[in-house]
Amino acid sequence: MGTDNNLLKKMYSSILIVNVIGIVSGIACVMVDAMVTGRFLGEDAVAAAGLLQPVVLVINLVVTLFGGGLGTLLTRYLGKAQHDKVNQVYSTSMLISIVLTIALNAIVFFCAPVIASVLGRNTGSDEIVRMISDYLRGFSFSLLPQRINILLAGIMVVDNDKRRSMMCMGTTLVMDIIFDLANVIIFHGGMFGMAIATVLSCVAGFLVMMTHFFRKNRVLRFSPKYFNASHIKDIVLCGAPSSLTMGGQALRTACYNAVLLAIAGKSAVAAISVCFSSFSIVFAVALGIFVSTSVISSLLYGEEDRHGLETVTSISIKSTLSIFCVVTLLMLLFPKVVAALFIKTNSADALVQAARFIRLMAVQFIVMVVSFPVTGIYQGTRQFKLNYLINIMREAGFPVICVTVLGKLFGLRGVEAAIVLSGVLVLILCCIIPVIYNGTFPKKAADFLILSDDFGASPDELYEASMHDMNDVINSSEEVRNFCINRGIDKKQAVHMALFIEEMAGNTIEHGYAEGEEKNVNLRLILHGDSGVIRMRDDGKPFDPIRWLEKNSGDDPVSGLGIRVVTGLAKNVHYMAAMEMNNLIITL
């Protein structure tokens, strides 16, 4: 029958919404801080925020290394039905992140004055140095609740609780707005107060997130006894892309600050800070696309589903281009309006320059935005080196080289040209990689995939079908019988396999959905020699058809005969409700 893309589209949309909302909400707090700082605390405060941004990114780089790609790793083991490893990875990542974050909290708090003096020494302003130090001291206390919130928000969809992520991040954002305004209007706490507002908002979000762990039917179980050092390497490999991104941004921001401070002064630094703040939400959406694509592609890669990977690559790239065409147009049309949100209108030079930077950054984004879904695919398919290469060159390599060279040669206009040129170079790099590995220039989305020729099941070993009603179930059942017979399976066993599909999919369609609800059941059957794998996936309510059969078949020896025979011959039978999908994997 073949499969349609309904489930993959729904899964991608669901994970994308959760990741974008989670990342956007976290970055939105930074945006709110930037807006309130610029509107109420002045140009020096904006410059101070821009100068300390590399330090904040470096701090996040370190902790992200041990949890930034957790969702990708968890889904990889889910795709292989290895539930024990899911909780080992989850608990190991959480324990390392907590210990590391506490250590960073102490380091940042006590070293804040030294860091501030280094960052602000070329500004000639003691006030800017003091602002940086005040903010870092307060910010240090937000590290632990913020880190836990971000880490858990990214994996709640795996545990069928995307609503909790939205509630957590929504609470954090709303409380951050309230506390920020209270700081500047009532308490006049300056930059230290802005940091404490972030701390309090993160704690509020943390309390909301913790309510998830009162649920009994959750997949993720945390315990120190699950700690397993053998998983640290994979945790780091999956977290490295996000860490590299943050490290690259830190280096890029520091480079821009240094070049602009030398050729145009603190007003230009404030302008680029406004530009980066303006695009923080845009970057959050792009990062959400990267994470979502890597999570789903990791699941499909674990199942060796070539067709699914091609479909997800196409969905991801097309949706990315659609989203960012609109974003780019808005930024090109209204750059001054956007800039005015982050800085007082009486800071005329900074405002005009910020608008110019925003317009050029919009062009850069639309040129290079395809790199985010592409790196997501490379992350999920374990092409780590290619992922790292694109991340490093996009976030640091090309921008640093371009701004250093062009800024030195042509001053402020050279810096502007560097913004666009670095984006063009990223796009060229993304197109060169498939040429090198596949021998062809990418003309369609699936051409960006880098897979070995023997990846996945061959067509004569694979049967796939999408079922939406009982007629589809019956047709698929008959096709499975013929598929098995044509591959040399004993006729009696082929009949049992067909009966298994009819009973299993039929139970799901009849009992897994509400009346009138659209039904989507995907079947994937692989027969290779004497072994095989059956994978069934649906988007109905959490429903284990095998357990339902055990409770409802009674003593009738005929009831569920196909299920009993096939599961009796299976090496492993595993059911899991994750990512708002029912996943049943049977290894024969």
Protein backbone atom coordinates (compact mmCIF):
# COMPACT_ATOMS: atom_id res chain seq x y z
CA MET A 1 0.00 0.00 0.00
CA GLY A 2 2.80 2.40 0.86
CA THR A 3 2.80 5.00 3.63
CA ASP A 4 1.55 8.55 3.61
CA ASN A 5 3.27 11.36 5.50
CA ASN A 6 0.48 12.22 7.94
CA LEU A 7 2.17 10.85 11.06
CA LEU A 8 5.58 12.31 10.23
CA LYS A 9 4.08 15.73 9.52
CA LYS A 10 2.11 15.63 12.76
CA MET A 11 5.13 14.45 14.74
CA TYR A 12 7.37 17.11 13.21
CA SER A 13 4.82 19.88 13.80
CA SER A 14 4.24 18.81 17.39
CA ILE A 15 7.94 18.62 18.26
CA LEU A 16 8.69 21.85 16.39
CA ILE A 17 5.99 23.78 18.26
CA VAL A 18 7.26 22.54 21.62
CA ASN A 19 10.92 23.23 20.85
CA VAL A 20 10.30 26.64 19.32
CA ILE A 21 8.04 27.73 22.18
CA GLY A 22 10.54 26.44 24.73
CA ILE A 23 13.58 28.05 23.13
CA VAL A 24 11.72 31.23 22.17
CA SER A 25 10.36 31.61 25.69
CA GLY A 26 13.81 31.20 27.16
CA ILE A 27 15.35 33.68 24.72
CA ALA A 28 12.32 35.95 25.03
CA CYS A 29 13.36 36.55 28.64
CA VAL A 30 16.69 37.79 27.32
CA MET A 31 14.83 39.95 24.80
CA VAL A 32 12.59 41.39 27.50
CA ASP A 33 15.68 42.14 29.60
CA ALA A 34 17.26 43.85 26.58
CA MET A 35 14.13 45.92 25.87
CA VAL A 36 13.68 47.04 29.46
CA THR A 37 17.41 47.73 29.79
CA GLY A 38 17.50 49.81 26.63
CA ARG A 39 14.31 51.74 27.31
CA PHE A 40 14.85 52.43 31.01
CA LEU A 41 18.59 52.15 31.78
CA GLY A 42 20.11 53.86 28.72
CA GLU A 43 22.77 53.36 26.07
CA ASP A 44 25.55 52.47 28.56
CA ALA A 45 23.43 49.60 29.88
CA VAL A 46 22.83 48.36 26.33
CA ALA A 47 26.57 48.47 25.66
CA ALA A 48 27.22 46.63 28.94
CA ALA A 49 24.70 43.93 27.99
CA GLY A 50 26.38 43.54 24.59
CA LEU A 51 29.85 43.25 26.14
CA LEU A 52 28.85 40.59 28.68
CA GLN A 53 26.88 38.51 26.15
CA PRO A 54 29.95 36.43 25.15
CA VAL A 55 30.46 35.44 28.79
CA VAL A 56 26.81 34.39 29.14
CA LEU A 57 27.17 32.31 25.97
CA VAL A 58 30.36 30.64 27.24
CA ILE A 59 28.60 29.71 30.49
CA ASN A 60 25.70 28.21 28.55
CA LEU A 61 28.19 26.46 26.26
CA VAL A 62 29.66 24.48 29.16
CA VAL A 63 26.39 23.26 30.65
CA THR A 64 24.78 22.62 27.26
CA LEU A 65 27.55 20.18 26.39
CA PHE A 66 26.00 17.65 28.78
CA GLY A 67 22.36 18.01 27.83
CA GLY A 68 21.94 20.07 24.69
CA GLY A 69 21.20 17.08 22.46
CA LEU A 70 19.44 14.94 25.05
CA GLY A 71 16.21 14.64 23.06
CA THR A 72 18.12 13.32 20.05
CA LEU A 73 19.86 10.64 22.09
CA LEU A 74 16.69 9.59 23.93
CA THR A 75 14.74 9.13 20.71
CA ARG A 76 17.59 7.10 19.24
CA TYR A 77 17.16 4.56 22.03
CA LEU A 78 13.39 4.78 21.80
CA GLY A 79 13.69 3.85 18.14
CA LYS A 80 15.58 0.74 19.22
CA ALA A 81 13.11 -0.01 22.06
CA GLN A 82 15.87 0.27 24.71
CA HIS A 83 13.90 1.72 27.61
CA ASP A 84 16.59 1.05 30.22
CA LYS A 85 19.12 3.14 28.29
CA VAL A 86 16.60 5.98 27.99
CA ASN A 87 16.57 6.46 31.76
CA GLN A 88 20.29 5.87 32.12
CA VAL A 89 21.04 8.64 29.64
CA TYR A 90 18.43 10.95 31.18
CA SER A 91 19.67 10.47 34.76
CA THR A 92 23.36 10.70 33.80
CA SER A 93 22.81 13.94 31.91
CA MET A 94 20.77 15.48 34.71
CA LEU A 95 23.29 14.61 37.44
CA ILE A 96 26.26 16.00 35.50
CA SER A 97 24.34 19.15 34.55
CA ILE A 98 23.31 19.85 38.16
CA VAL A 99 26.82 19.41 39.60
CA LEU A 100 28.44 21.43 36.82
CA THR A 101 25.93 24.26 37.06
CA ILE A 102 26.39 24.62 40.81
CA ALA A 103 30.16 24.88 40.28
CA LEU A 104 29.69 27.53 37.56
CA ASN A 105 27.35 29.46 39.84
CA ALA A 106 30.12 29.85 42.42
CA ILE A 107 32.79 30.71 39.81
CA VAL A 108 30.70 33.40 38.12
CA PHE A 109 29.62 34.99 41.40
CA PHE A 110 33.10 35.33 42.85
CA CYS A 111 34.87 36.21 39.58
CA ALA A 112 32.30 38.78 38.39
CA PRO A 113 34.44 41.89 39.20
CA VAL A 114 37.47 40.48 37.38
CA ILE A 115 35.42 39.47 34.33
CA ALA A 116 33.76 42.89 34.25
CA SER A 117 37.06 44.77 34.38
CA VAL A 118 38.40 42.73 31.44
CA LEU A 119 35.28 43.20 29.34
CA GLY A 120 34.92 46.91 30.00
CA ARG A 121 38.53 48.07 30.08
CA ASN A 122 38.45 49.58 26.55
CA THR A 123 35.21 51.50 27.07
CA GLY A 124 36.73 54.14 29.33
CA SER A 125 33.62 53.93 31.50
CA ASP A 126 33.69 52.75 35.13
CA GLU A 127 29.89 52.76 35.07
CA ILE A 128 29.77 50.12 32.32
CA VAL A 129 32.26 47.96 34.26
CA ARG A 130 30.08 48.21 37.37
CA MET A 131 26.93 47.30 35.41
CA ILE A 132 28.58 44.20 33.98
CA SER A 133 29.76 43.07 37.43
CA ASP A 134 26.36 43.66 39.03
CA TYR A 135 24.53 41.70 36.36
CA LEU A 136 26.91 38.73 36.47
CA ARG A 137 26.60 38.40 40.26
CA GLY A 138 22.85 38.26 40.09
CA PHE A 139 22.77 36.15 36.94
CA SER A 140 24.85 33.39 38.55
CA PHE A 141 21.91 32.39 40.77
CA SER A 142 19.65 31.79 37.75
CA LEU A 143 21.95 29.17 36.23
CA LEU A 144 20.57 26.09 38.00
CA PRO A 145 16.81 26.62 37.60
CA GLN A 146 17.30 27.97 34.09
CA ARG A 147 19.44 25.00 33.04
CA ILE A 148 16.97 22.44 34.41
CA ASN A 149 14.04 24.23 32.76
CA ILE A 150 15.72 24.31 29.34
CA LEU A 151 16.94 20.71 29.58
CA LEU A 152 13.53 19.34 30.60
CA ALA A 153 11.57 21.53 28.18
CA GLY A 154 13.45 19.97 25.29
CA ILE A 155 12.50 16.40 26.27
CA MET A 156 8.96 16.79 27.62
CA VAL A 157 7.56 15.89 24.20
CA VAL A 158 9.33 12.52 24.54
CA ASP A 159 7.39 12.04 27.79
CA ASN A 160 4.04 13.04 26.22
CA ASP A 161 3.80 16.30 28.16
CA LYS A 162 4.50 19.13 25.75
CA ARG A 163 1.90 21.24 27.58
CA ARG A 164 4.17 21.32 30.64
CA SER A 165 6.99 22.84 28.59
CA MET A 166 4.68 25.56 27.35
CA MET A 167 3.35 26.24 30.85
CA CYS A 168 6.88 26.42 32.27
CA MET A 169 8.22 28.76 29.63
CA GLY A 170 5.05 30.85 29.57
CA THR A 171 5.23 31.28 33.34
CA THR A 172 8.93 32.19 33.12
CA LEU A 173 8.29 34.81 30.46
CA VAL A 174 5.30 36.43 32.17
CA MET A 175 7.07 36.57 35.54
CA ASP A 176 10.22 37.96 33.91
CA ILE A 177 8.21 40.85 32.42
CA ILE A 178 6.57 41.55 35.80
CA PHE A 179 9.82 41.38 37.78
CA ASP A 180 11.78 43.43 35.20
CA LEU A 181 9.22 46.24 35.27
CA ALA A 182 9.04 46.10 39.06
CA ASN A 183 12.83 46.45 39.17
CA VAL A 184 13.06 49.56 36.97
CA ILE A 185 9.83 51.28 38.11
CA ILE A 186 9.57 50.41 41.82
CA PHE A 187 12.87 49.11 43.20
CA HIS A 188 15.37 50.88 40.87
CA GLY A 189 17.74 47.93 41.24
CA GLY A 190 19.74 48.60 38.08
CA MET A 191 21.51 45.74 36.31
CA PHE A 192 21.71 43.63 39.48
CA GLY A 193 17.95 43.93 39.82
CA MET A 194 17.51 42.87 36.20
CA ALA A 195 19.50 39.71 36.92
CA ILE A 196 17.53 38.94 40.10
CA ALA A 197 14.31 39.34 38.09
CA THR A 198 15.62 36.61 35.77
CA VAL A 199 16.41 34.40 38.78
CA LEU A 200 12.90 34.73 40.23
CA SER A 201 11.21 34.09 36.88
CA CYS A 202 13.32 30.95 36.32
CA VAL A 203 12.40 29.64 39.77
CA ALA A 204 8.70 30.19 38.99
CA GLY A 205 9.08 28.22 35.76
CA PHE A 206 11.01 25.50 37.58
CA LEU A 207 8.17 24.99 40.08
CA VAL A 208 5.72 24.55 37.20
CA MET A 209 8.01 22.05 35.45
CA MET A 210 8.38 19.93 38.59
CA THR A 211 4.65 19.15 38.61
CA HIS A 212 5.29 16.82 35.65
CA PHE A 213 7.00 14.34 37.95
CA PHE A 214 3.83 13.70 39.92
CA ARG A 215 2.45 11.87 36.87
CA LYS A 216 2.50 8.09 37.16
CA ASN A 217 2.42 7.28 33.44
CA ARG A 218 5.64 9.03 32.49
CA VAL A 219 8.46 7.46 30.48
CA LEU A 220 11.37 9.31 32.09
CA ARG A 221 12.46 8.18 35.55
CA PHE A 222 15.30 9.98 37.32
CA SER A 223 17.46 8.19 39.88
CA PRO A 224 21.16 8.44 40.84
CA LYS A 225 21.32 4.64 40.56
CA TYR A 226 20.75 4.99 36.81
CA PHE A 227 24.00 6.95 36.42
CA ASN A 228 26.15 5.23 33.78
CA ALA A 229 29.44 6.81 32.77
CA SER A 230 29.50 4.82 29.52
CA HIS A 231 26.83 7.18 28.12
CA ILE A 232 28.84 10.36 28.72
CA LYS A 233 30.58 10.18 25.34
CA ASP A 234 27.28 10.00 23.43
CA ILE A 235 25.77 12.73 25.61
CA VAL A 236 28.70 15.01 24.79
CA LEU A 237 28.58 14.15 21.07
CA CYS A 238 24.89 15.07 20.95
CA GLY A 239 25.36 18.20 23.06
CA ALA A 240 28.41 19.41 21.14
CA PRO A 241 26.49 21.07 18.26
CA SER A 242 24.55 23.35 20.62
CA SER A 243 27.71 24.07 22.59
CA LEU A 244 29.63 24.81 19.41
CA THR A 245 26.85 27.13 18.33
CA MET A 246 27.03 29.06 21.60
CA GLY A 247 30.82 29.07 21.57
CA GLY A 248 30.79 30.34 18.01
CA GLN A 249 28.31 33.06 18.91
CA ALA A 250 30.46 34.07 21.87
CA LEU A 251 33.55 34.37 19.65
CA ARG A 252 31.59 36.17 16.93
CA THR A 253 30.04 38.63 19.37
CA ALA A 254 33.38 39.33 21.04
CA CYS A 255 34.98 39.88 17.63
CA TYR A 256 32.23 42.26 16.47
CA ASN A 257 32.47 44.16 19.77
CA ALA A 258 36.25 44.51 19.51
CA VAL A 259 36.23 45.62 15.86
CA LEU A 260 33.35 48.07 16.30
CA LEU A 261 34.74 49.49 19.53
CA ALA A 262 38.03 50.18 17.74
CA ILE A 263 36.58 51.79 14.61
CA ALA A 264 33.31 53.40 15.77
CA GLY A 265 33.10 53.43 19.60
CA LYS A 266 30.55 52.22 22.15
CA SER A 267 27.60 53.57 20.14
CA ALA A 268 28.32 51.00 17.40
CA VAL A 269 28.68 48.28 20.07
CA ALA A 270 25.25 49.24 21.38
CA ALA A 271 23.91 49.08 17.80
CA ILE A 272 25.19 45.55 17.14
CA SER A 273 23.89 44.51 20.57
CA VAL A 274 20.45 45.77 19.54
CA CYS A 275 20.74 43.84 16.25
CA PHE A 276 21.67 40.58 17.98
CA SER A 277 18.84 41.06 20.51
CA SER A 278 16.39 41.72 17.68
CA PHE A 279 17.34 38.44 16.03
CA SER A 280 17.38 36.37 19.21
CA ILE A 281 13.79 35.24 18.61
CA VAL A 282 14.55 34.58 14.94
CA PHE A 283 17.55 32.50 15.96
CA ALA A 284 15.40 30.66 18.52
CA VAL A 285 13.02 29.58 15.77
CA ALA A 286 15.95 28.40 13.63
CA LEU A 287 17.41 26.52 16.61
CA GLY A 288 14.00 24.96 17.26
CA ILE A 289 13.99 23.71 13.67
CA PHE A 290 17.48 22.24 14.17
CA VAL A 291 16.48 20.43 17.39
CA SER A 292 13.17 19.14 16.02
CA THR A 293 14.77 17.85 12.84
CA SER A 294 17.58 16.14 14.75
CA VAL A 295 15.16 14.47 17.19
CA ILE A 296 12.91 12.97 14.50
CA SER A 297 15.76 12.05 12.16
CA SER A 298 17.50 10.32 15.08
CA LEU A 299 14.40 8.20 15.66
CA LEU A 300 14.12 7.31 11.97
CA TYR A 301 17.85 6.67 11.70
CA GLY A 302 17.60 4.21 14.60
CA GLU A 303 14.86 2.43 12.63
CA GLU A 304 16.91 2.62 9.38
CA ASP A 305 13.97 4.29 7.67
CA ARG A 306 15.44 5.88 4.54
CA HIS A 307 12.09 6.99 3.14
CA GLY A 308 11.16 8.60 6.46
CA LEU A 309 14.45 10.51 6.56
CA GLU A 310 13.92 11.79 3.02
CA THR A 311 10.41 12.91 3.96
CA VAL A 312 11.50 14.69 7.15
CA THR A 313 14.35 16.43 5.31
CA SER A 314 11.89 17.75 2.74
CA ILE A 315 9.33 18.82 5.37
CA SER A 316 11.97 20.56 7.46
CA ILE A 317 13.64 22.52 4.65
CA LYS A 318 10.37 23.59 3.03
CA SER A 319 8.84 24.75 6.32
CA THR A 320 12.05 26.60 7.22
CA LEU A 321 12.12 28.53 3.96
CA SER A 322 8.41 29.39 4.27
CA ILE A 323 8.82 30.73 7.81
CA PHE A 324 11.92 32.78 7.13
CA CYS A 325 10.71 34.38 3.93
CA VAL A 326 8.05 36.08 6.04
CA VAL A 327 10.49 36.95 8.85
CA THR A 328 13.03 38.41 6.42
CA LEU A 329 10.41 40.55 4.72
CA LEU A 330 9.26 42.04 8.03
CA MET A 331 12.82 42.79 9.14
CA LEU A 332 13.63 44.42 5.79
CA LEU A 333 10.51 46.60 5.86
CA PHE A 334 10.56 47.69 9.52
CA PRO A 335 14.16 47.63 10.83
CA LYS A 336 13.92 50.99 12.61
CA VAL A 337 10.70 50.01 14.37
CA VAL A 338 12.37 46.83 15.62
CA ALA A 339 15.51 48.69 16.72
CA ALA A 340 13.45 51.27 18.62
CA LEU A 341 12.12 48.48 20.86
CA PHE A 342 15.58 47.99 22.31
CA ILE A 343 17.05 51.49 22.58
CA LYS A 344 15.83 54.99 23.33
CA THR A 345 14.97 57.03 20.25
CA ASN A 346 17.17 59.90 21.50
CA SER A 347 20.22 57.66 20.92
CA ALA A 348 20.05 58.68 17.26
CA ASP A 349 23.36 57.35 15.96
CA ALA A 350 22.96 53.96 17.64
CA LEU A 351 19.35 53.68 16.46
CA VAL A 352 20.17 54.40 12.80
CA GLN A 353 23.15 52.05 12.79
CA ALA A 354 21.15 49.31 14.52
CA ALA A 355 18.47 49.56 11.80
CA ARG A 356 21.17 49.13 9.12
CA PHE A 357 22.59 46.09 10.92
CA ILE A 358 19.10 44.55 11.26
CA ARG A 359 18.34 44.91 7.55
CA LEU A 360 21.65 43.26 6.60
CA MET A 361 21.21 40.50 9.18
CA ALA A 362 17.81 39.72 7.65
CA VAL A 363 19.47 39.16 4.28
CA GLN A 364 22.10 36.96 5.93
CA PHE A 365 19.47 34.78 7.60
CA ILE A 366 17.41 34.04 4.51
CA VAL A 367 20.59 33.16 2.61
CA MET A 368 21.95 30.72 5.22
CA VAL A 369 18.81 29.50 7.00
CA VAL A 370 18.80 26.15 5.17
CA SER A 371 21.85 25.27 7.26
CA PHE A 372 19.68 24.74 10.37
CA PRO A 373 17.54 21.84 9.06
CA VAL A 374 20.57 20.42 7.24
CA THR A 375 22.66 20.33 10.42
CA GLY A 376 19.65 18.83 12.23
CA ILE A 377 19.61 15.99 9.72
CA TYR A 378 23.36 15.49 10.08
CA GLN A 379 23.04 15.43 13.87
CA GLY A 380 20.24 12.85 13.79
CA THR A 381 22.03 10.62 11.27
CA ARG A 382 25.28 10.73 13.24
CA GLN A 383 27.20 12.77 10.68
CA PHE A 384 28.70 14.66 13.59
CA LYS A 385 31.78 16.03 11.81
CA LEU A 386 29.67 17.64 9.09
CA ASN A 387 27.33 19.08 11.71
CA TYR A 388 30.24 20.51 13.68
CA LEU A 389 31.86 21.94 10.54
CA ILE A 390 28.75 23.86 9.46
CA ASN A 391 28.03 25.05 13.02
CA ILE A 392 31.55 26.31 13.58
CA MET A 393 31.78 28.09 10.25
CA ARG A 394 28.26 29.59 10.47
CA GLU A 395 28.53 30.89 14.02
CA ALA A 396 32.22 31.83 14.17
CA GLY A 397 34.52 30.93 11.29
CA PHE A 398 33.03 32.92 8.42
CA PRO A 399 31.75 35.88 10.52
CA VAL A 400 35.05 36.34 12.39
CA ILE A 401 37.17 36.14 9.23
CA CYS A 402 34.89 38.44 7.24
CA VAL A 403 34.42 41.10 9.92
CA THR A 404 38.12 41.14 10.84
CA VAL A 405 39.33 41.51 7.26
CA LEU A 406 36.59 43.76 5.86
CA GLY A 407 36.33 45.83 9.03
CA LYS A 408 40.04 46.56 8.91
CA LEU A 409 39.96 47.41 5.20
CA PHE A 410 36.72 49.38 4.94
CA GLY A 411 35.72 50.34 8.48
CA LEU A 412 32.05 50.36 9.45
CA ARG A 413 30.85 49.64 5.90
CA GLY A 414 33.19 46.64 5.81
CA VAL A 415 31.52 45.28 8.96
CA GLU A 416 28.14 45.63 7.25
CA ALA A 417 29.36 43.79 4.14
CA ALA A 418 30.79 41.04 6.35
CA ILE A 419 27.31 40.25 7.71
CA VAL A 420 25.93 39.36 4.27
CA LEU A 421 29.09 37.72 2.92
CA SER A 422 29.34 35.29 5.85
CA GLY A 423 25.77 34.10 5.15
CA VAL A 424 26.56 33.49 1.48
CA LEU A 425 29.62 31.44 2.43
CA VAL A 426 27.51 29.25 4.76
CA LEU A 427 25.10 28.46 1.93
CA ILE A 428 27.98 27.57 -0.39
CA LEU A 429 29.41 25.23 2.26
CA CYS A 430 26.05 23.47 2.72
CA CYS A 431 25.83 22.85 -1.04
CA ILE A 432 29.44 21.69 -1.42
CA ILE A 433 29.11 18.91 1.18
CA PRO A 434 26.55 16.80 -0.80
CA VAL A 435 28.66 17.31 -3.93
CA ILE A 436 31.68 15.83 -2.14
CA TYR A 437 29.84 12.92 -0.47
CA ASN A 438 27.09 12.13 -3.00
CA GLY A 439 28.74 13.37 -6.17
CA THR A 440 25.81 15.59 -7.10
CA PHE A 441 24.70 19.17 -6.52
CA PRO A 442 21.58 19.26 -4.26
CA LYS A 443 18.56 19.99 -6.47
CA LYS A 444 15.94 18.80 -3.97
CA ALA A 445 15.79 18.58 -0.18
CA ALA A 446 16.57 14.85 0.07
CA ASP A 447 19.86 15.41 -1.79
CA PHE A 448 21.33 16.90 1.41
CA LEU A 449 21.14 13.48 3.12
CA ILE A 450 24.45 11.66 3.51
CA LEU A 451 23.65 7.95 3.83
CA SER A 452 25.54 4.82 2.80
CA ASP A 453 24.17 2.85 -0.14
CA ASP A 454 23.33 -0.12 2.10
CA PHE A 455 21.47 1.98 4.70
CA GLY A 456 18.00 0.67 5.47
CA ALA A 457 16.11 -2.33 4.19
CA SER A 458 16.16 -3.15 0.50
CA PRO A 459 12.80 -2.81 -1.31
CA ASP A 460 12.32 -6.60 -1.51
CA GLU A 461 12.72 -6.89 2.29
CA LEU A 462 10.39 -4.06 3.23
CA TYR A 463 6.62 -3.64 3.43
CA GLU A 464 5.08 -0.33 4.54
CA ALA A 465 1.47 0.79 4.82
CA SER A 466 -0.70 3.54 6.32
CA MET A 467 -4.10 2.48 7.65
CA HIS A 468 -6.99 4.83 8.39
CA ASP A 469 -9.98 2.45 8.67
CA MET A 470 -10.81 -1.26 8.83
CA ASN A 471 -10.82 -1.59 5.04
CA ASP A 472 -7.19 -0.45 4.99
CA VAL A 473 -6.43 -2.92 7.77
CA ILE A 474 -7.93 -5.84 5.86
CA ASN A 475 -6.14 -4.87 2.64
CA SER A 476 -2.82 -4.53 4.46
CA SER A 477 -3.34 -7.86 6.16
CA GLU A 478 -3.79 -9.60 2.80
CA GLU A 479 -0.76 -7.82 1.33
CA VAL A 480 1.36 -8.86 4.33
CA ARG A 481 0.34 -12.51 3.76
CA ASN A 482 1.42 -12.32 0.13
CA PHE A 483 4.59 -10.42 1.06
CA CYS A 484 5.60 -13.17 3.49
CA ILE A 485 4.80 -16.03 1.09
CA ASN A 486 6.77 -14.36 -1.71
CA ARG A 487 9.80 -14.27 0.60
CA GLY A 488 9.71 -17.96 1.35
CA ILE A 489 7.85 -17.82 4.66
CA ASP A 490 5.82 -20.92 5.48
CA LYS A 491 2.18 -20.41 4.41
CA LYS A 492 0.85 -21.10 7.91
CA GLN A 493 3.24 -18.56 9.43
CA ALA A 494 2.31 -16.07 6.71
CA VAL A 495 -1.37 -16.47 7.65
CA HIS A 496 -0.52 -15.88 11.31
CA MET A 497 1.47 -12.76 10.38
CA ALA A 498 -1.47 -11.42 8.36
CA LEU A 499 -3.85 -12.21 11.21
CA PHE A 500 -1.51 -10.45 13.62
CA ILE A 501 -1.62 -7.25 11.54
CA GLU A 502 -5.40 -7.44 11.24
CA GLU A 503 -5.90 -7.90 14.98
CA MET A 504 -3.23 -5.45 16.12
CA ALA A 505 -4.10 -2.59 13.77
CA GLY A 506 -7.81 -3.33 14.11
CA ASN A 507 -7.64 -3.08 17.93
CA THR A 508 -5.80 0.23 17.64
CA ILE A 509 -8.28 1.74 15.19
CA GLU A 510 -11.33 0.49 17.13
CA HIS A 511 -10.13 1.29 20.65
CA GLY A 512 -7.34 3.87 20.30
CA TYR A 513 -9.36 6.77 18.89
CA ALA A 514 -12.45 8.72 19.83
CA GLU A 515 -15.48 8.43 17.56
CA GLY A 516 -15.09 10.65 14.48
CA GLU A 517 -11.38 11.25 15.10
CA GLU A 518 -9.00 10.85 12.16
CA LYS A 519 -7.08 7.59 12.47
CA ASN A 520 -3.46 7.10 11.42
CA VAL A 521 -1.71 3.76 11.90
CA ASN A 522 1.62 3.19 10.18
CA LEU A 523 3.05 -0.27 9.68
CA ARG A 524 6.64 -1.10 8.78
CA LEU A 525 7.60 -4.76 8.31
CA ILE A 526 11.15 -5.87 7.50
CA LEU A 527 11.99 -9.51 6.75
CA HIS A 528 15.66 -10.30 6.32
CA GLY A 529 16.57 -13.99 6.20
CA ASP A 530 15.38 -15.65 9.40
CA SER A 531 14.93 -12.38 11.28
CA GLY A 532 12.52 -9.50 11.05
CA VAL A 533 11.12 -6.38 12.71
CA ILE A 534 7.54 -5.15 12.94
CA ARG A 535 6.98 -1.51 13.85
CA MET A 536 3.53 -0.04 14.31
CA ARG A 537 2.99 3.62 15.16
CA ASP A 538 -0.19 5.63 15.66
CA ASP A 539 -1.29 9.01 17.03
CA GLY A 540 -4.27 7.83 19.06
CA LYS A 541 -4.62 7.96 22.83
CA PRO A 542 -2.05 5.94 24.80
CA PHE A 543 -3.12 2.40 24.03
CA ASP A 544 -1.21 -0.88 24.30
CA PRO A 545 -3.18 -3.37 22.14
CA ILE A 546 -1.38 -6.38 23.61
CA ARG A 547 -2.25 -5.47 27.19
CA TRP A 548 -5.81 -4.69 26.10
CA LEU A 549 -6.02 -8.18 24.59
CA GLU A 550 -4.74 -9.79 27.78
CA LYS A 551 -7.46 -8.08 29.79
CA ASN A 552 -10.35 -8.58 27.37
CA SER A 553 -9.85 -11.89 25.54
CA GLY A 554 -10.94 -14.08 28.43
CA ASP A 555 -10.58 -17.82 27.91
CA ASP A 556 -11.40 -17.77 24.19
CA PRO A 557 -8.48 -19.63 22.51
CA VAL A 558 -9.29 -18.07 19.12
CA SER A 559 -9.34 -14.45 20.34
CA GLY A 560 -6.12 -12.71 19.38
CA LEU A 561 -4.65 -15.89 17.89
CA GLY A 562 -2.38 -14.01 15.46
CA ILE A 563 -1.07 -11.74 18.22
CA ARG A 564 -0.42 -14.69 20.53
CA VAL A 565 1.45 -16.69 17.89
CA VAL A 566 3.63 -13.82 16.60
CA THR A 567 4.50 -12.40 20.03
CA GLY A 568 5.21 -15.94 21.25
CA LEU A 569 7.83 -16.33 18.51
CA ALA A 570 9.29 -12.85 19.02
CA LYS A 571 12.68 -12.19 20.58
CA ASN A 572 11.41 -8.92 22.03
CA VAL A 573 8.10 -7.07 22.23
CA HIS A 574 8.20 -3.44 23.29
CA TYR A 575 5.45 -0.84 23.58
CA MET A 576 6.04 2.79 24.52
CA ALA A 577 3.89 5.91 24.42
CA ALA A 578 6.30 8.71 23.53
CA MET A 579 6.28 11.92 21.47
CA GLU A 580 2.46 11.73 21.58
CA MET A 581 2.64 8.52 19.55
CA ASN A 582 2.08 4.86 20.40
CA ASN A 583 5.13 2.88 19.34
CA LEU A 584 5.09 -0.92 19.18
CA ILE A 585 8.28 -2.67 18.09
CA ILE A 586 8.49 -6.45 17.74
CA THR A 587 11.78 -8.16 16.93
CA LEU A 588 11.33 -11.56 15.30
